[in-house]
Amino acid sequence: MAKKTEFKPNRINFKVRGIITRLGDRGYAEDENQGMWQRIRFGIKTSKTNEVPVELFGYKGDAFFWSKEKGQSFKVDYEDRHNKPKGVKDAHMMGVGVNHKGTKDGLENLHKYDAVEAIMENFADGDSVQITGQVEYSSYEKEDETIVQKSYSINRITKFNEPIDFDKEDFKEVSSFEGTFIFLDIDKVKEEGGSSYDDVTARVVTKKDGTFVDTDFQVPERKTKMSKAFKKALKWGDEIKVKGLLRNEAIEVEVEDEEEDEWGSEEVAGYGKPITTYKRSMDIVHFDQDYWKDGDDSKGIPPGKGKYNEEDFEVDPFNEEDALDFDDDDDDDWA
């Protein structure tokens, strides 16, 4: 456990609007033995070139209700999830919002386990939807290397009655995120072809005990003022709040080989070999200066500037004085 005891987990929310893809059976998985969990994964095509993968994991556990009037949550058994807690009239399910009707009164708050089934039954490839949710991070060790995994977990899904048309003149892409993380470093990355971007190394606190993952964001090449400001003003440990774009694009480029092969052939302009490359990134396009300088008094959040230092994340060393002495039979360490 980290030395610092007061951590507020970072939260990064996302919103995508587009067309469902790959919702077939291959995107569904379940616990066949115990029937305790089920998961669904599919894509949301937000433009002709961008597709964001989303998912929902549902565990058949306790259900939770929230009462605004009482200002607290209530836990009930999964089997009783369709019944509100006794004496709490304004209680509503703390789960996933599913609206397959596309109407104002069509929204249902469902237990995550039930929401997986509702999406499978009421949505299909080609449906136009809006999804909001949370970016979730996890990590594991493999061959002395920390592997960080990122998923876009669904909190609400709404079907549109009017199909989204990418060719429409007033079409505006929605594939965005907003949230906080801890700034660690920024470095220029040059790509083949001469383009470049700034890679931001970030720390995302995932639990109150200080558990974290280190991940990356990008500042696009066009955001030169932001890049210079980050390098000049931000320091290791600053907590910052940003907004940005989710990019998961397939980019096809034509490669023209000017060298002759063994037959003396060369590529002709316009008929080069197509090669598909992929851009997967979270591009920062907005920085909240007020959050960095002043924090958020309404939520009791202190300024992000200088909020953490490296010692805050150091693990407490093993204290030999607290260790049990199993070689001493005269004393009872458990007394």
C-alpha atoms as a PDB file:
ATOM      1  CA  MET A   1       0.000   0.000   0.000  1.00  0.00           C
ATOM      2  CA  ALA A   2       1.225   3.491  -0.819  1.00  0.00           C
ATOM      3  CA  LYS A   3       2.423   5.792   1.978  1.00  0.00           C
ATOM      4  CA  LYS A   4      -0.178   8.452   1.235  1.00  0.00           C
ATOM      5  CA  THR A   5      -3.569   7.403   2.591  1.00  0.00           C
ATOM      6  CA  GLU A   6      -5.917   9.939   1.017  1.00  0.00           C
ATOM      7  CA  PHE A   7      -6.279   9.185  -2.671  1.00  0.00           C
ATOM      8  CA  LYS A   8      -9.227  10.169  -4.818  1.00  0.00           C
ATOM      9  CA  PRO A   9      -9.426   7.814  -7.803  1.00  0.00           C
ATOM     10  CA  ASN A  10      -9.234   9.469 -11.202  1.00  0.00           C
ATOM     11  CA  ARG A  11     -12.299   9.149 -13.395  1.00  0.00           C
ATOM     12  CA  ILE A  12     -12.256   9.408 -17.176  1.00  0.00           C
ATOM     13  CA  ASN A  13     -15.644   9.469 -18.895  1.00  0.00           C
ATOM     14  CA  PHE A  14     -16.329   9.004 -22.593  1.00  0.00           C
ATOM     15  CA  LYS A  15     -19.143   9.676 -25.063  1.00  0.00           C
ATOM     16  CA  VAL A  16     -19.505   8.195 -28.534  1.00  0.00           C
ATOM     17  CA  ARG A  17     -22.253   8.578 -31.114  1.00  0.00           C
ATOM     18  CA  GLY A  18     -22.355   6.304 -34.125  1.00  0.00           C
ATOM     19  CA  ILE A  19     -23.337   2.997 -35.715  1.00  0.00           C
ATOM     20  CA  ILE A  20     -23.086  -0.401 -34.018  1.00  0.00           C
ATOM     21  CA  THR A  21     -20.725  -2.949 -35.584  1.00  0.00           C
ATOM     22  CA  ARG A  22     -19.628  -6.501 -34.662  1.00  0.00           C
ATOM     23  CA  LEU A  23     -22.453  -7.127 -32.181  1.00  0.00           C
ATOM     24  CA  GLY A  24     -22.850 -10.743 -33.294  1.00  0.00           C
ATOM     25  CA  ASP A  25     -22.420 -13.787 -31.056  1.00  0.00           C
ATOM     26  CA  ARG A  26     -18.637 -13.538 -31.284  1.00  0.00           C
ATOM     27  CA  GLY A  27     -18.830 -10.457 -29.074  1.00  0.00           C
ATOM     28  CA  TYR A  28     -20.659 -12.332 -26.316  1.00  0.00           C
ATOM     29  CA  ALA A  29     -19.088 -14.482 -23.571  1.00  0.00           C
ATOM     30  CA  GLU A  30     -20.498 -16.109 -20.463  1.00  0.00           C
ATOM     31  CA  ASP A  31     -19.679 -18.198 -17.434  1.00  0.00           C
ATOM     32  CA  GLU A  32     -20.997 -21.523 -18.722  1.00  0.00           C
ATOM     33  CA  ASN A  33     -20.385 -23.451 -15.501  1.00  0.00           C
ATOM     34  CA  GLN A  34     -21.857 -21.247 -12.788  1.00  0.00           C
ATOM     35  CA  GLY A  35     -23.785 -18.708 -14.851  1.00  0.00           C
ATOM     36  CA  MET A  36     -22.451 -15.934 -12.625  1.00  0.00           C
ATOM     37  CA  TRP A  37     -21.225 -13.499 -15.289  1.00  0.00           C
ATOM     38  CA  GLN A  38     -21.654 -12.484 -18.905  1.00  0.00           C
ATOM     39  CA  ARG A  39     -19.896  -9.950 -21.131  1.00  0.00           C
ATOM     40  CA  ILE A  40     -20.540  -8.243 -24.419  1.00  0.00           C
ATOM     41  CA  ARG A  41     -18.117  -6.408 -26.715  1.00  0.00           C
ATOM     42  CA  PHE A  42     -18.788  -4.536 -29.948  1.00  0.00           C
ATOM     43  CA  GLY A  43     -17.741  -1.484 -31.937  1.00  0.00           C
ATOM     44  CA  ILE A  44     -19.219   1.974 -32.487  1.00  0.00           C
ATOM     45  CA  LYS A  45     -18.321   3.485 -35.843  1.00  0.00           C
ATOM     46  CA  THR A  46     -18.230   7.233 -35.188  1.00  0.00           C
ATOM     47  CA  SER A  47     -17.094   8.223 -38.682  1.00  0.00           C
ATOM     48  CA  LYS A  48     -16.066   6.535 -41.916  1.00  0.00           C
ATOM     49  CA  THR A  49     -12.607   5.831 -40.489  1.00  0.00           C
ATOM     50  CA  ASN A  50     -12.996   5.762 -36.681  1.00  0.00           C
ATOM     51  CA  GLU A  51     -14.384   2.852 -34.649  1.00  0.00           C
ATOM     52  CA  VAL A  52     -14.358   2.737 -30.831  1.00  0.00           C
ATOM     53  CA  PRO A  53     -14.578  -0.658 -29.060  1.00  0.00           C
ATOM     54  CA  VAL A  54     -17.020  -0.710 -26.118  1.00  0.00           C
ATOM     55  CA  GLU A  55     -17.984  -3.418 -23.654  1.00  0.00           C
ATOM     56  CA  LEU A  56     -20.080  -4.321 -20.640  1.00  0.00           C
ATOM     57  CA  PHE A  57     -19.320  -6.927 -17.986  1.00  0.00           C
ATOM     58  CA  GLY A  58     -22.170  -8.071 -15.770  1.00  0.00           C
ATOM     59  CA  TYR A  59     -21.699 -10.113 -12.580  1.00  0.00           C
ATOM     60  CA  LYS A  60     -24.707 -11.718 -10.947  1.00  0.00           C
ATOM     61  CA  GLY A  61     -24.124 -10.068  -7.572  1.00  0.00           C
ATOM     62  CA  ASP A  62     -25.971  -7.763  -5.200  1.00  0.00           C
ATOM     63  CA  ALA A  63     -28.013  -4.909  -6.635  1.00  0.00           C
ATOM     64  CA  PHE A  64     -27.699  -1.344  -5.347  1.00  0.00           C
ATOM     65  CA  PHE A  65     -30.316   1.389  -5.212  1.00  0.00           C
ATOM     66  CA  TRP A  66     -29.785   5.100  -4.593  1.00  0.00           C
ATOM     67  CA  SER A  67     -32.132   7.388  -2.693  1.00  0.00           C
ATOM     68  CA  LYS A  68     -31.663  11.106  -3.266  1.00  0.00           C
ATOM     69  CA  GLU A  69     -34.084  11.891  -0.462  1.00  0.00           C
ATOM     70  CA  LYS A  70     -32.164   9.839   2.106  1.00  0.00           C
ATOM     71  CA  GLY A  71     -28.765  10.558   0.567  1.00  0.00           C
ATOM     72  CA  GLN A  72     -27.573   6.953   0.695  1.00  0.00           C
ATOM     73  CA  SER A  73     -27.444   3.671  -1.187  1.00  0.00           C
ATOM     74  CA  PHE A  74     -29.220   0.425  -0.336  1.00  0.00           C
ATOM     75  CA  LYS A  75     -28.076  -3.118  -1.104  1.00  0.00           C
ATOM     76  CA  VAL A  76     -30.467  -5.929  -2.016  1.00  0.00           C
ATOM     77  CA  ASP A  77     -29.958  -9.521  -3.149  1.00  0.00           C
ATOM     78  CA  TYR A  78     -29.800 -10.108  -6.886  1.00  0.00           C
ATOM     79  CA  GLU A  79     -33.027 -12.134  -6.750  1.00  0.00           C
ATOM     80  CA  ASP A  80     -34.820  -9.087  -5.263  1.00  0.00           C
ATOM     81  CA  ARG A  81     -33.434  -6.580  -7.775  1.00  0.00           C
ATOM     82  CA  HIS A  82     -36.866  -5.842  -9.282  1.00  0.00           C
ATOM     83  CA  ASN A  83     -38.203  -4.636  -5.933  1.00  0.00           C
ATOM     84  CA  LYS A  84     -37.267  -1.306  -4.364  1.00  0.00           C
ATOM     85  CA  PRO A  85     -35.975  -1.351  -0.768  1.00  0.00           C
ATOM     86  CA  LYS A  86     -38.875  -1.152   1.682  1.00  0.00           C
ATOM     87  CA  GLY A  87     -39.806   2.360   2.733  1.00  0.00           C
ATOM     88  CA  VAL A  88     -37.652   4.049   0.088  1.00  0.00           C
ATOM     89  CA  LYS A  89     -40.059   5.415  -2.515  1.00  0.00           C
ATOM     90  CA  ASP A  90     -37.549   7.395  -4.592  1.00  0.00           C
ATOM     91  CA  ALA A  91     -34.982   4.573  -4.852  1.00  0.00           C
ATOM     92  CA  HIS A  92     -33.654   3.838  -8.328  1.00  0.00           C
ATOM     93  CA  MET A  93     -31.333   1.124  -9.569  1.00  0.00           C
ATOM     94  CA  MET A  94     -27.636   2.023  -9.720  1.00  0.00           C
ATOM     95  CA  GLY A  95     -26.827   0.174 -12.906  1.00  0.00           C
ATOM     96  CA  VAL A  96     -26.744   0.661 -16.655  1.00  0.00           C
ATOM     97  CA  GLY A  97     -29.218   2.852 -18.525  1.00  0.00           C
ATOM     98  CA  VAL A  98     -30.689   1.074 -21.561  1.00  0.00           C
ATOM     99  CA  ASN A  99     -33.051   2.844 -23.967  1.00  0.00           C
ATOM    100  CA  HIS A 100     -33.837   0.762 -27.048  1.00  0.00           C
ATOM    101  CA  LYS A 101     -37.033   2.692 -27.848  1.00  0.00           C
ATOM    102  CA  GLY A 102     -35.377   6.019 -28.501  1.00  0.00           C
ATOM    103  CA  THR A 103     -38.017   7.910 -26.519  1.00  0.00           C
ATOM    104  CA  LYS A 104     -37.795  10.087 -23.415  1.00  0.00           C
ATOM    105  CA  ASP A 105     -39.695   7.568 -21.317  1.00  0.00           C
ATOM    106  CA  GLY A 106     -37.920   4.531 -22.796  1.00  0.00           C
ATOM    107  CA  LEU A 107     -34.945   4.553 -20.418  1.00  0.00           C
ATOM    108  CA  GLU A 108     -34.567   1.598 -18.023  1.00  0.00           C
ATOM    109  CA  ASN A 109     -31.961   1.346 -15.271  1.00  0.00           C
ATOM    110  CA  LEU A 110     -30.861  -2.278 -15.203  1.00  0.00           C
ATOM    111  CA  HIS A 111     -28.493  -4.439 -13.198  1.00  0.00           C
ATOM    112  CA  LYS A 112     -25.321  -4.880 -15.291  1.00  0.00           C
ATOM    113  CA  TYR A 113     -25.956  -8.603 -15.695  1.00  0.00           C
ATOM    114  CA  ASP A 114     -29.436  -7.910 -17.076  1.00  0.00           C
ATOM    115  CA  ALA A 115     -28.182  -5.020 -19.216  1.00  0.00           C
ATOM    116  CA  VAL A 116     -25.924  -7.370 -21.194  1.00  0.00           C
ATOM    117  CA  GLU A 117     -28.965  -9.462 -22.126  1.00  0.00           C
ATOM    118  CA  ALA A 118     -31.043  -6.355 -22.919  1.00  0.00           C
ATOM    119  CA  ILE A 119     -28.420  -5.089 -25.369  1.00  0.00           C
ATOM    120  CA  MET A 120     -28.138  -8.484 -27.092  1.00  0.00           C
ATOM    121  CA  GLU A 121     -31.907  -8.736 -27.468  1.00  0.00           C
ATOM    122  CA  ASN A 122     -32.792  -5.162 -28.470  1.00  0.00           C
ATOM    123  CA  PHE A 123     -29.840  -3.826 -30.474  1.00  0.00           C
ATOM    124  CA  ALA A 124     -28.226  -4.944 -33.725  1.00  0.00           C
ATOM    125  CA  ASP A 125     -25.476  -4.084 -36.178  1.00  0.00           C
ATOM    126  CA  GLY A 126     -26.407  -0.941 -38.092  1.00  0.00           C
ATOM    127  CA  ASP A 127     -28.347   0.661 -35.227  1.00  0.00           C
ATOM    128  CA  SER A 128     -27.523   4.322 -34.589  1.00  0.00           C
ATOM    129  CA  VAL A 129     -26.801   4.927 -30.907  1.00  0.00           C
ATOM    130  CA  GLN A 130     -25.184   7.129 -28.316  1.00  0.00           C
ATOM    131  CA  ILE A 131     -23.134   5.535 -25.550  1.00  0.00           C
ATOM    132  CA  THR A 132     -21.677   7.151 -22.449  1.00  0.00           C
ATOM    133  CA  GLY A 133     -19.445   5.365 -20.011  1.00  0.00           C
ATOM    134  CA  GLN A 134     -16.156   5.187 -18.189  1.00  0.00           C
ATOM    135  CA  VAL A 135     -12.637   4.335 -19.321  1.00  0.00           C
ATOM    136  CA  GLU A 136     -11.441   1.524 -17.051  1.00  0.00           C
ATOM    137  CA  TYR A 137      -7.819   0.519 -16.547  1.00  0.00           C
ATOM    138  CA  SER A 138      -6.168  -2.642 -15.235  1.00  0.00           C
ATOM    139  CA  SER A 139      -2.688  -4.138 -15.381  1.00  0.00           C
ATOM    140  CA  TYR A 140      -0.821  -7.414 -15.008  1.00  0.00           C
ATOM    141  CA  GLU A 141       2.773  -8.614 -15.091  1.00  0.00           C
ATOM    142  CA  LYS A 142       4.156 -10.660 -17.968  1.00  0.00           C
ATOM    143  CA  GLU A 143       7.830 -11.550 -18.333  1.00  0.00           C
ATOM    144  CA  ASP A 144       8.909  -8.736 -15.978  1.00  0.00           C
ATOM    145  CA  GLU A 145       6.851  -6.226 -17.943  1.00  0.00           C
ATOM    146  CA  THR A 146       3.710  -4.420 -16.790  1.00  0.00           C
ATOM    147  CA  ILE A 147       0.912  -4.766 -19.348  1.00  0.00           C
ATOM    148  CA  VAL A 148      -1.781  -2.065 -19.085  1.00  0.00           C
ATOM    149  CA  GLN A 149      -5.264  -2.823 -20.410  1.00  0.00           C
ATOM    150  CA  LYS A 150      -7.880  -0.201 -21.224  1.00  0.00           C
ATOM    151  CA  SER A 151     -11.590  -0.732 -21.832  1.00  0.00           C
ATOM    152  CA  TYR A 152     -14.555   1.524 -22.583  1.00  0.00           C
ATOM    153  CA  SER A 153     -17.255   0.355 -20.175  1.00  0.00           C
ATOM    154  CA  ILE A 154     -20.881   1.217 -20.970  1.00  0.00           C
ATOM    155  CA  ASN A 155     -22.950   3.215 -18.453  1.00  0.00           C
ATOM    156  CA  ARG A 156     -25.796   4.190 -20.787  1.00  0.00           C
ATOM    157  CA  ILE A 157     -26.849   3.266 -24.314  1.00  0.00           C
ATOM    158  CA  THR A 158     -29.608   5.007 -26.284  1.00  0.00           C
ATOM    159  CA  LYS A 159     -30.925   4.061 -29.712  1.00  0.00           C
ATOM    160  CA  PHE A 160     -31.735   6.815 -32.225  1.00  0.00           C
ATOM    161  CA  ASN A 161     -34.832   6.562 -34.380  1.00  0.00           C
ATOM    162  CA  GLU A 162     -33.161   8.619 -37.103  1.00  0.00           C
ATOM    163  CA  PRO A 163     -30.115   6.865 -38.614  1.00  0.00           C
ATOM    164  CA  ILE A 164     -26.748   8.600 -38.468  1.00  0.00           C
ATOM    165  CA  ASP A 165     -25.461   9.582 -41.924  1.00  0.00           C
ATOM    166  CA  PHE A 166     -21.720  10.268 -42.165  1.00  0.00           C
ATOM    167  CA  ASP A 167     -22.244  11.921 -45.569  1.00  0.00           C
ATOM    168  CA  LYS A 168     -24.784  14.425 -44.280  1.00  0.00           C
ATOM    169  CA  GLU A 169     -23.638  18.035 -44.594  1.00  0.00           C
ATOM    170  CA  ASP A 170     -24.256  18.882 -40.930  1.00  0.00           C
ATOM    171  CA  PHE A 171     -22.763  15.645 -39.560  1.00  0.00           C
ATOM    172  CA  LYS A 172     -20.506  16.199 -36.539  1.00  0.00           C
ATOM    173  CA  GLU A 173     -18.484  13.349 -35.088  1.00  0.00           C
ATOM    174  CA  VAL A 174     -18.833  12.599 -31.364  1.00  0.00           C
ATOM    175  CA  SER A 175     -15.986  10.464 -30.040  1.00  0.00           C
ATOM    176  CA  SER A 176     -14.706  12.192 -26.939  1.00  0.00           C
ATOM    177  CA  PHE A 177     -13.495  11.861 -23.365  1.00  0.00           C
ATOM    178  CA  GLU A 178     -13.169  14.037 -20.273  1.00  0.00           C
ATOM    179  CA  GLY A 179     -11.410  13.345 -17.006  1.00  0.00           C
ATOM    180  CA  THR A 180      -8.479  13.750 -14.663  1.00  0.00           C
ATOM    181  CA  PHE A 181      -5.083  12.114 -14.376  1.00  0.00           C
ATOM    182  CA  ILE A 182      -1.661  12.786 -12.881  1.00  0.00           C
ATOM    183  CA  PHE A 183       0.887  14.307 -15.229  1.00  0.00           C
ATOM    184  CA  LEU A 184       4.293  12.609 -15.255  1.00  0.00           C
ATOM    185  CA  ASP A 185       6.144  13.652 -18.421  1.00  0.00           C
ATOM    186  CA  ILE A 186       5.848  14.767 -22.046  1.00  0.00           C
ATOM    187  CA  ASP A 187       8.067  13.828 -24.996  1.00  0.00           C
ATOM    188  CA  LYS A 188       8.072  14.596 -28.702  1.00  0.00           C
ATOM    189  CA  VAL A 189       7.518  11.582 -30.977  1.00  0.00           C
ATOM    190  CA  LYS A 190       8.384  11.798 -34.660  1.00  0.00           C
ATOM    191  CA  GLU A 191       6.590   9.509 -37.087  1.00  0.00           C
ATOM    192  CA  GLU A 192       7.531   8.275 -40.526  1.00  0.00           C
ATOM    193  CA  GLY A 193       6.603  10.803 -43.154  1.00  0.00           C
ATOM    194  CA  GLY A 194       7.592  13.805 -41.062  1.00  0.00           C
ATOM    195  CA  SER A 195       4.549  14.185 -38.807  1.00  0.00           C
ATOM    196  CA  SER A 196       4.860  14.221 -35.017  1.00  0.00           C
ATOM    197  CA  TYR A 197       2.939  14.442 -31.742  1.00  0.00           C
ATOM    198  CA  ASP A 198       3.691  14.815 -28.049  1.00  0.00           C
ATOM    199  CA  ASP A 199       3.341  11.714 -25.894  1.00  0.00           C
ATOM    200  CA  VAL A 200       2.045  12.477 -22.387  1.00  0.00           C
ATOM    201  CA  THR A 201       2.909   9.896 -19.747  1.00  0.00           C
ATOM    202  CA  ALA A 202       0.091   9.839 -17.205  1.00  0.00           C
ATOM    203  CA  ARG A 203      -0.747   8.096 -13.933  1.00  0.00           C
ATOM    204  CA  VAL A 204      -4.347   7.066 -13.310  1.00  0.00           C
ATOM    205  CA  VAL A 205      -5.253   6.258  -9.704  1.00  0.00           C
ATOM    206  CA  THR A 206      -7.811   3.442  -9.796  1.00  0.00           C
ATOM    207  CA  LYS A 207      -8.410   2.799  -6.070  1.00  0.00           C
ATOM    208  CA  LYS A 208      -8.526   4.774  -2.825  1.00  0.00           C
ATOM    209  CA  ASP A 209      -5.470   2.911  -1.488  1.00  0.00           C
ATOM    210  CA  GLY A 210      -3.312   4.451  -4.217  1.00  0.00           C
ATOM    211  CA  THR A 211      -3.372   1.591  -6.722  1.00  0.00           C
ATOM    212  CA  PHE A 212      -2.534   3.068 -10.109  1.00  0.00           C
ATOM    213  CA  VAL A 213      -1.624   2.383 -13.721  1.00  0.00           C
ATOM    214  CA  ASP A 214       0.688   4.424 -15.923  1.00  0.00           C
ATOM    215  CA  THR A 215      -0.603   5.053 -19.420  1.00  0.00           C
ATOM    216  CA  ASP A 216      -0.290   7.460 -22.346  1.00  0.00           C
ATOM    217  CA  PHE A 217      -2.227  10.299 -23.933  1.00  0.00           C
ATOM    218  CA  GLN A 218      -1.270  12.385 -26.938  1.00  0.00           C
ATOM    219  CA  VAL A 219      -1.169  16.082 -27.767  1.00  0.00           C
ATOM    220  CA  PRO A 220      -1.759  16.325 -31.556  1.00  0.00           C
ATOM    221  CA  GLU A 221       0.790  18.081 -33.729  1.00  0.00           C
ATOM    222  CA  ARG A 222      -1.654  20.913 -34.485  1.00  0.00           C
ATOM    223  CA  LYS A 223      -1.879  21.836 -30.757  1.00  0.00           C
ATOM    224  CA  THR A 224       1.504  23.582 -30.642  1.00  0.00           C
ATOM    225  CA  LYS A 225       0.490  26.167 -27.990  1.00  0.00           C
ATOM    226  CA  MET A 226      -0.756  23.432 -25.679  1.00  0.00           C
ATOM    227  CA  SER A 227       2.386  21.375 -26.190  1.00  0.00           C
ATOM    228  CA  LYS A 228       4.631  24.327 -25.286  1.00  0.00           C
ATOM    229  CA  ALA A 229       2.484  25.186 -22.248  1.00  0.00           C
ATOM    230  CA  PHE A 230       2.599  21.606 -20.952  1.00  0.00           C
ATOM    231  CA  LYS A 231       6.386  21.484 -21.248  1.00  0.00           C
ATOM    232  CA  LYS A 232       6.840  24.873 -19.615  1.00  0.00           C
ATOM    233  CA  ALA A 233       4.310  24.773 -16.766  1.00  0.00           C
ATOM    234  CA  LEU A 234       3.411  21.213 -15.804  1.00  0.00           C
ATOM    235  CA  LYS A 235       5.482  19.241 -13.310  1.00  0.00           C
ATOM    236  CA  TRP A 236       5.574  15.612 -12.206  1.00  0.00           C
ATOM    237  CA  GLY A 237       2.649  14.992  -9.858  1.00  0.00           C
ATOM    238  CA  ASP A 238       0.314  17.734 -11.105  1.00  0.00           C
ATOM    239  CA  GLU A 239      -3.255  16.467 -11.367  1.00  0.00           C
ATOM    240  CA  ILE A 240      -4.869  17.862 -14.490  1.00  0.00           C
ATOM    241  CA  LYS A 241      -8.330  17.815 -16.056  1.00  0.00           C
ATOM    242  CA  VAL A 242      -8.598  17.484 -19.822  1.00  0.00           C
ATOM    243  CA  LYS A 243     -10.980  16.849 -22.697  1.00  0.00           C
ATOM    244  CA  GLY A 244     -10.104  15.083 -25.887  1.00  0.00           C
ATOM    245  CA  LEU A 245     -10.869  12.809 -28.813  1.00  0.00           C
ATOM    246  CA  LEU A 246     -10.904   9.002 -28.942  1.00  0.00           C
ATOM    247  CA  ARG A 247      -9.108   7.825 -32.056  1.00  0.00           C
ATOM    248  CA  ASN A 248      -9.108   4.238 -33.333  1.00  0.00           C
ATOM    249  CA  GLU A 249      -8.651   4.759 -37.034  1.00  0.00           C
ATOM    250  CA  ALA A 250      -7.676   2.529 -39.911  1.00  0.00           C
ATOM    251  CA  ILE A 251      -5.608   4.599 -42.340  1.00  0.00           C
ATOM    252  CA  GLU A 252      -4.846   3.199 -45.790  1.00  0.00           C
ATOM    253  CA  VAL A 253      -1.864   4.663 -47.594  1.00  0.00           C
ATOM    254  CA  GLU A 254      -0.416   3.879 -50.981  1.00  0.00           C
ATOM    255  CA  VAL A 255       3.243   2.902 -50.957  1.00  0.00           C
ATOM    256  CA  GLU A 256       5.054   3.438 -54.237  1.00  0.00           C
ATOM    257  CA  ASP A 257       8.288   1.496 -54.552  1.00  0.00           C
ATOM    258  CA  GLU A 258      10.708   3.327 -56.828  1.00  0.00           C
ATOM    259  CA  GLU A 259      13.152   0.413 -56.912  1.00  0.00           C
ATOM    260  CA  GLU A 260      12.935  -2.119 -59.722  1.00  0.00           C
ATOM    261  CA  ASP A 261      12.318  -5.773 -58.906  1.00  0.00           C
ATOM    262  CA  GLU A 262      14.188  -8.671 -60.526  1.00  0.00           C
ATOM    263  CA  TRP A 263      12.071  -8.240 -63.664  1.00  0.00           C
ATOM    264  CA  GLY A 264      12.778  -4.542 -63.911  1.00  0.00           C
ATOM    265  CA  SER A 265       9.253  -3.566 -62.809  1.00  0.00           C
ATOM    266  CA  GLU A 266       8.464  -0.455 -60.804  1.00  0.00           C
ATOM    267  CA  GLU A 267       5.275   0.893 -59.228  1.00  0.00           C
ATOM    268  CA  VAL A 268       3.113   3.363 -61.156  1.00  0.00           C
ATOM    269  CA  ALA A 269       1.615   6.395 -59.387  1.00  0.00           C
ATOM    270  CA  GLY A 270      -2.008   5.716 -58.503  1.00  0.00           C
ATOM    271  CA  TYR A 271      -1.545   1.953 -58.472  1.00  0.00           C
ATOM    272  CA  GLY A 272       0.841   1.533 -55.568  1.00  0.00           C
ATOM    273  CA  LYS A 273       0.553  -1.170 -52.916  1.00  0.00           C
ATOM    274  CA  PRO A 274      -2.083  -0.211 -50.302  1.00  0.00           C
ATOM    275  CA  ILE A 275      -0.927  -0.609 -46.711  1.00  0.00           C
ATOM    276  CA  THR A 276      -3.271  -0.145 -43.745  1.00  0.00           C
ATOM    277  CA  THR A 277      -1.929   1.435 -40.578  1.00  0.00           C
ATOM    278  CA  TYR A 278      -3.812   2.085 -37.343  1.00  0.00           C
ATOM    279  CA  LYS A 279      -3.940   5.107 -35.075  1.00  0.00           C
ATOM    280  CA  ARG A 280      -5.105   4.300 -31.544  1.00  0.00           C
ATOM    281  CA  SER A 281      -4.876   7.203 -29.151  1.00  0.00           C
ATOM    282  CA  MET A 282      -6.600   9.530 -26.712  1.00  0.00           C
ATOM    283  CA  ASP A 283      -5.827  12.989 -28.095  1.00  0.00           C
ATOM    284  CA  ILE A 284      -5.915  15.921 -25.660  1.00  0.00           C
ATOM    285  CA  VAL A 285      -7.417  19.076 -27.145  1.00  0.00           C
ATOM    286  CA  HIS A 286      -8.579  20.996 -24.038  1.00  0.00           C
ATOM    287  CA  PHE A 287      -6.837  21.760 -20.733  1.00  0.00           C
ATOM    288  CA  ASP A 288      -8.750  23.023 -17.683  1.00  0.00           C
ATOM    289  CA  GLN A 289      -6.534  25.773 -16.257  1.00  0.00           C
ATOM    290  CA  ASP A 290      -8.916  26.544 -13.368  1.00  0.00           C
ATOM    291  CA  TYR A 291      -8.822  22.939 -12.106  1.00  0.00           C
ATOM    292  CA  TRP A 292      -5.023  22.957 -12.214  1.00  0.00           C
ATOM    293  CA  LYS A 293      -4.680  26.326 -10.458  1.00  0.00           C
ATOM    294  CA  ASP A 294      -7.641  26.369  -8.051  1.00  0.00           C
ATOM    295  CA  GLY A 295      -9.197  22.884  -7.903  1.00  0.00           C
ATOM    296  CA  ASP A 296     -12.944  22.603  -7.348  1.00  0.00           C
ATOM    297  CA  ASP A 297     -14.209  24.087  -4.068  1.00  0.00           C
ATOM    298  CA  SER A 298     -17.753  22.812  -4.626  1.00  0.00           C
ATOM    299  CA  LYS A 299     -16.472  19.230  -4.500  1.00  0.00           C
ATOM    300  CA  GLY A 300     -13.709  19.801  -1.956  1.00  0.00           C
ATOM    301  CA  ILE A 301     -10.989  19.181  -4.559  1.00  0.00           C
ATOM    302  CA  PRO A 302      -7.676  21.033  -3.947  1.00  0.00           C
ATOM    303  CA  PRO A 303      -5.635  22.593  -6.762  1.00  0.00           C
ATOM    304  CA  GLY A 304      -4.100  20.045  -9.101  1.00  0.00           C
ATOM    305  CA  LYS A 305      -0.812  21.918  -9.282  1.00  0.00           C
ATOM    306  CA  GLY A 306       1.785  20.157  -7.110  1.00  0.00           C
ATOM    307  CA  LYS A 307      -0.799  17.744  -5.693  1.00  0.00           C
ATOM    308  CA  TYR A 308       1.438  14.651  -5.577  1.00  0.00           C
ATOM    309  CA  ASN A 309       5.104  13.781  -5.329  1.00  0.00           C
ATOM    310  CA  GLU A 310       6.959  10.515  -5.894  1.00  0.00           C
ATOM    311  CA  GLU A 311       7.039   9.651  -2.190  1.00  0.00           C
ATOM    312  CA  ASP A 312       3.234   9.551  -2.116  1.00  0.00           C
ATOM    313  CA  PHE A 313       3.335   6.443  -4.287  1.00  0.00           C
ATOM    314  CA  GLU A 314       6.170   4.639  -2.513  1.00  0.00           C
ATOM    315  CA  VAL A 315       5.171   1.406  -0.819  1.00  0.00           C
ATOM    316  CA  ASP A 316       5.645   1.354   2.963  1.00  0.00           C
ATOM    317  CA  PRO A 317       8.836  -0.593   3.772  1.00  0.00           C
ATOM    318  CA  PHE A 318       8.588  -3.824   5.749  1.00  0.00           C
ATOM    319  CA  ASN A 319       8.882  -3.080   9.459  1.00  0.00           C
ATOM    320  CA  GLU A 320      10.954  -5.812  11.135  1.00  0.00           C
ATOM    321  CA  GLU A 321       9.762  -4.764  14.589  1.00  0.00           C
ATOM    322  CA  ASP A 322       6.214  -5.700  13.622  1.00  0.00           C
ATOM    323  CA  ALA A 323       7.233  -9.124  12.343  1.00  0.00           C
ATOM    324  CA  LEU A 324       6.202 -12.227  14.281  1.00  0.00           C
ATOM    325  CA  ASP A 325       9.093 -14.126  15.874  1.00  0.00           C
ATOM    326  CA  PHE A 326       8.203 -17.773  15.316  1.00  0.00           C
ATOM    327  CA  ASP A 327      11.457 -18.921  16.967  1.00  0.00           C
ATOM    328  CA  ASP A 328      10.511 -17.493  20.364  1.00  0.00           C
ATOM    329  CA  ASP A 329       8.285 -20.026  22.096  1.00  0.00           C
ATOM    330  CA  ASP A 330       8.165 -18.109  25.381  1.00  0.00           C
ATOM    331  CA  ASP A 331       6.092 -15.197  24.109  1.00  0.00           C
ATOM    332  CA  ASP A 332       2.614 -15.351  22.601  1.00  0.00           C
ATOM    333  CA  ASP A 333       2.622 -12.893  19.682  1.00  0.00           C
ATOM    334  CA  TRP A 334      -1.137 -13.245  19.338  1.00  0.00           C
ATOM    335  CA  ALA A 335      -2.007 -12.525  23.001  1.00  0.00           C
END
